[in-house]
Amino acid sequence: MPGLKHILEGSSGKSARVFFTTLGHPYDFKLSNVRKIALNGIYWALGKENEIPEKGAKVNLDVPYEPNNSGFGEKYKMNKIPEVL
């Protein structure tokens, strides 16, 4: 299961929505379906599931997504910081 949603009650007695996924390698988010799972889960956690379009959140990108790979060594762009678009 790529995403888990749950309503939990904390020690204060207040309930909170929690969305969790084990997806998350930078390359995972090259796939529109992965971005859609994450965004739909965020909408749900915010209590805005009624605002999710029938086919899911729009996940089109305005700029090419070329993520940094995870790991260490020259191959993985050590010490690179995000660029401002």
Protein backbone atom coordinates (compact mmCIF):
# COMPACT_ATOMS: atom_id res chain seq x y z
CA MET A 1 0.00 0.00 0.00
CA PRO A 2 1.63 3.27 -1.08
CA GLY A 3 -0.18 5.50 1.41
CA LEU A 4 -1.84 5.07 4.78
CA LYS A 5 -4.33 7.46 6.28
CA HIS A 6 -5.49 7.28 9.85
CA ILE A 7 -7.33 9.37 12.39
CA LEU A 8 -5.59 9.25 15.77
CA GLU A 9 -6.52 10.64 19.16
CA GLY A 10 -3.73 12.20 21.20
CA SER A 11 -3.38 12.42 24.97
CA SER A 12 -5.21 15.77 24.88
CA GLY A 13 -8.29 13.98 23.56
CA LYS A 14 -8.13 15.83 20.25
CA SER A 15 -8.16 13.76 17.08
CA ALA A 16 -5.73 14.40 14.26
CA ARG A 17 -5.43 13.10 10.73
CA VAL A 18 -2.17 11.45 9.76
CA PHE A 19 -1.07 10.55 6.24
CA PHE A 20 2.02 8.39 5.83
CA THR A 21 3.79 6.87 2.85
CA THR A 22 7.03 4.98 2.40
CA LEU A 23 7.39 6.52 -1.05
CA GLY A 24 9.86 9.32 -1.12
CA HIS A 25 13.06 8.60 -3.02
CA PRO A 26 13.65 11.68 -5.18
CA TYR A 27 13.16 9.62 -8.35
CA ASP A 28 9.76 8.38 -7.10
CA PHE A 29 8.37 11.87 -7.61
CA LYS A 30 9.25 11.83 -11.31
CA LEU A 31 6.09 9.70 -11.63
CA SER A 32 2.84 11.64 -11.72
CA ASN A 33 1.01 8.85 -9.85
CA VAL A 34 3.40 9.17 -6.90
CA ARG A 35 2.94 12.95 -6.80
CA LYS A 36 -0.83 12.39 -6.94
CA ILE A 37 -0.75 9.97 -3.97
CA ALA A 38 1.21 12.50 -1.92
CA LEU A 39 -0.98 15.49 -2.80
CA ASN A 40 -4.24 13.61 -2.31
CA GLY A 41 -2.96 12.43 1.08
CA ILE A 42 -2.07 16.00 2.06
CA TYR A 43 -5.54 17.21 1.04
CA TRP A 44 -7.07 14.43 3.18
CA ALA A 45 -4.85 15.20 6.19
CA LEU A 46 -5.93 18.85 6.00
CA GLY A 47 -9.59 17.80 6.01
CA LYS A 48 -10.04 18.99 2.44
CA GLU A 49 -10.87 15.67 0.80
CA ASN A 50 -14.00 17.26 -0.71
CA GLU A 51 -11.69 19.53 -2.73
CA ILE A 52 -9.82 16.63 -4.38
CA PRO A 53 -10.91 16.45 -8.04
CA GLU A 54 -12.56 13.22 -9.15
CA LYS A 55 -9.38 12.12 -10.96
CA GLY A 56 -7.11 13.32 -8.14
CA ALA A 57 -5.03 16.43 -7.53
CA LYS A 58 -3.39 18.09 -10.51
CA VAL A 59 0.28 17.14 -10.52
CA ASN A 60 1.54 18.71 -13.75
CA LEU A 61 4.93 20.36 -13.36
CA ASP A 62 5.75 23.81 -14.73
CA VAL A 63 9.47 23.04 -14.93
CA PRO A 64 11.35 19.79 -15.62
CA TYR A 65 11.97 17.77 -12.46
CA GLU A 66 15.52 16.44 -12.37
CA PRO A 67 16.05 15.33 -8.77
CA ASN A 68 19.32 14.69 -7.05
CA ASN A 69 19.92 11.00 -6.41
CA SER A 70 20.30 9.92 -2.81
CA GLY A 71 23.54 8.49 -1.51
CA PHE A 72 27.14 9.61 -1.21
CA GLY A 73 30.11 10.09 -3.51
CA GLU A 74 30.87 12.11 -6.63
CA LYS A 75 28.04 10.46 -8.48
CA TYR A 76 25.45 11.92 -6.10
CA LYS A 77 26.27 15.66 -6.18
CA MET A 78 27.52 16.04 -2.61
CA ASN A 79 27.01 19.45 -0.97
CA LYS A 80 24.70 20.65 -3.73
CA ILE A 81 22.06 23.08 -2.49
CA PRO A 82 18.64 23.66 -4.10
CA GLU A 83 18.50 26.28 -6.80
CA VAL A 84 16.04 29.13 -6.78
CA LEU A 85 13.74 28.93 -9.83
